[in-house]
């Protein structure tokens, strides 16, 4: 690998590290508080699907910065999405306890 390609690879790893690290505070706060009321289900669904596709793309072209960053970001985003779905459905159930099941 030449020096220029090495520098480009370093830029990729730095970008991957920073964008992945950006999701850690949201994930930690969501896990601790179980409060996901401020998170859009639609946005997080689309985002998680997009990150999953970036991961597949990285695997296909065999680029480790894409693979590592998107693997971790996908795991964090998916965990937040699961919390959102779980706690949104619990909120709906608790809000309408007298609603009859069909």
Protein backbone atom coordinates (compact mmCIF):
# COMPACT_ATOMS: atom_id res chain seq x y z
CA UNK A 1 0.00 0.00 0.00
CA UNK A 2 1.47 3.35 -0.97
CA UNK A 3 1.61 6.33 1.37
CA UNK A 4 -1.35 8.13 -0.22
CA UNK A 5 -3.57 5.03 0.02
CA UNK A 6 -2.49 4.62 3.65
CA UNK A 7 -3.54 8.21 4.45
CA UNK A 8 -6.89 7.66 2.74
CA UNK A 9 -7.40 4.50 4.82
CA UNK A 10 -6.62 6.47 8.01
CA UNK A 11 -9.22 9.07 7.04
CA UNK A 12 -11.74 6.26 6.57
CA UNK A 13 -11.00 4.79 10.00
CA UNK A 14 -11.23 8.22 11.66
CA UNK A 15 -14.57 8.95 9.99
CA UNK A 16 -15.84 5.50 10.93
CA UNK A 17 -14.74 5.94 14.55
CA UNK A 18 -16.35 9.37 14.94
CA UNK A 19 -19.68 8.54 13.30
CA UNK A 20 -19.98 5.33 15.29
CA UNK A 21 -18.99 7.03 18.54
CA UNK A 22 -21.73 9.61 17.93
CA UNK A 23 -24.40 6.95 18.59
CA UNK A 24 -22.97 5.74 21.88
CA UNK A 25 -24.43 8.53 24.10
CA UNK A 26 -27.94 7.98 22.66
CA UNK A 27 -27.67 4.24 23.11
CA UNK A 28 -26.45 4.55 26.71
CA UNK A 29 -29.15 7.07 27.59
CA UNK A 30 -31.86 4.92 25.99
CA UNK A 31 -30.68 1.77 27.80
CA UNK A 32 -30.43 3.52 31.18
CA UNK A 33 -33.64 5.54 31.14
CA UNK A 34 -35.77 3.38 28.84
CA UNK A 35 -37.07 6.75 27.57
CA UNK A 36 -37.26 6.67 23.79
CA UNK A 37 -40.17 9.09 23.47
CA UNK A 38 -38.03 11.64 21.62
CA UNK A 39 -36.92 9.14 18.98
CA UNK A 40 -38.80 8.89 15.70
CA UNK A 41 -39.70 5.29 14.88
CA UNK A 42 -39.78 6.02 11.16
CA UNK A 43 -36.42 7.78 11.14
CA UNK A 44 -34.70 5.10 13.19
CA UNK A 45 -36.21 2.32 11.09
CA UNK A 46 -34.92 3.92 7.89
CA UNK A 47 -31.55 4.74 9.45
CA UNK A 48 -31.04 1.21 10.76
CA UNK A 49 -31.93 -0.26 7.36
CA UNK A 50 -29.52 2.17 5.68
CA UNK A 51 -26.67 1.27 8.03
CA UNK A 52 -27.41 -2.41 7.40
CA UNK A 53 -27.06 -1.80 3.67
CA UNK A 54 -23.79 0.12 4.20
CA UNK A 55 -22.54 -2.92 6.12
CA UNK A 56 -23.47 -5.24 3.25
CA UNK A 57 -21.81 -2.85 0.80
CA UNK A 58 -18.63 -2.78 2.91
CA UNK A 59 -18.59 -6.57 3.02
CA UNK A 60 -19.00 -6.79 -0.75
CA UNK A 61 -16.18 -4.35 -1.51
CA UNK A 62 -14.11 -5.65 1.43
CA UNK A 63 -13.36 -2.26 3.03
CA UNK A 64 -12.68 -2.67 6.73
CA UNK A 65 -13.48 0.91 7.80
CA UNK A 66 -16.99 0.49 6.35
CA UNK A 67 -17.41 -2.99 7.77
CA UNK A 68 -16.28 -2.24 11.32
CA UNK A 69 -18.04 1.09 11.67
CA UNK A 70 -21.31 -0.09 10.22
CA UNK A 71 -21.27 -3.34 12.16
CA UNK A 72 -21.04 -1.44 15.44
CA UNK A 73 -23.38 1.37 14.36
CA UNK A 74 -25.93 -1.21 13.16
CA UNK A 75 -25.81 -2.97 16.53
CA UNK A 76 -26.27 0.31 18.44
CA UNK A 77 -29.02 1.59 16.14
CA UNK A 78 -30.83 -1.76 16.18
CA UNK A 79 -30.76 -1.88 19.97
CA UNK A 80 -32.29 1.62 20.16
CA UNK A 81 -34.87 0.67 17.52
CA UNK A 82 -35.84 -2.45 19.49
CA UNK A 83 -36.24 -0.36 22.66
CA UNK A 84 -38.37 2.13 20.73
CA UNK A 85 -40.64 -0.60 19.37
CA UNK A 86 -40.88 -2.36 22.74
CA UNK A 87 -41.63 0.73 24.81
CA UNK A 88 -43.94 2.29 22.23
CA UNK A 89 -46.06 -0.87 22.11
CA UNK A 90 -46.09 -1.02 25.95
CA UNK A 91 -47.19 2.63 26.07
CA UNK A 92 -50.03 1.98 23.64
CA UNK A 93 -51.16 -1.10 25.63
CA UNK A 94 -51.10 0.81 28.93
CA UNK A 95 -52.83 3.86 27.44
CA UNK A 96 -55.88 1.81 26.32
CA UNK A 97 -56.28 -0.90 29.01
CA UNK A 98 -60.08 -1.16 28.54
CA UNK A 99 -59.90 -1.58 24.78
CA UNK A 100 -61.46 -4.89 23.77
CA UNK A 101 -59.47 -7.35 21.74
CA UNK A 102 -61.02 -8.40 18.46
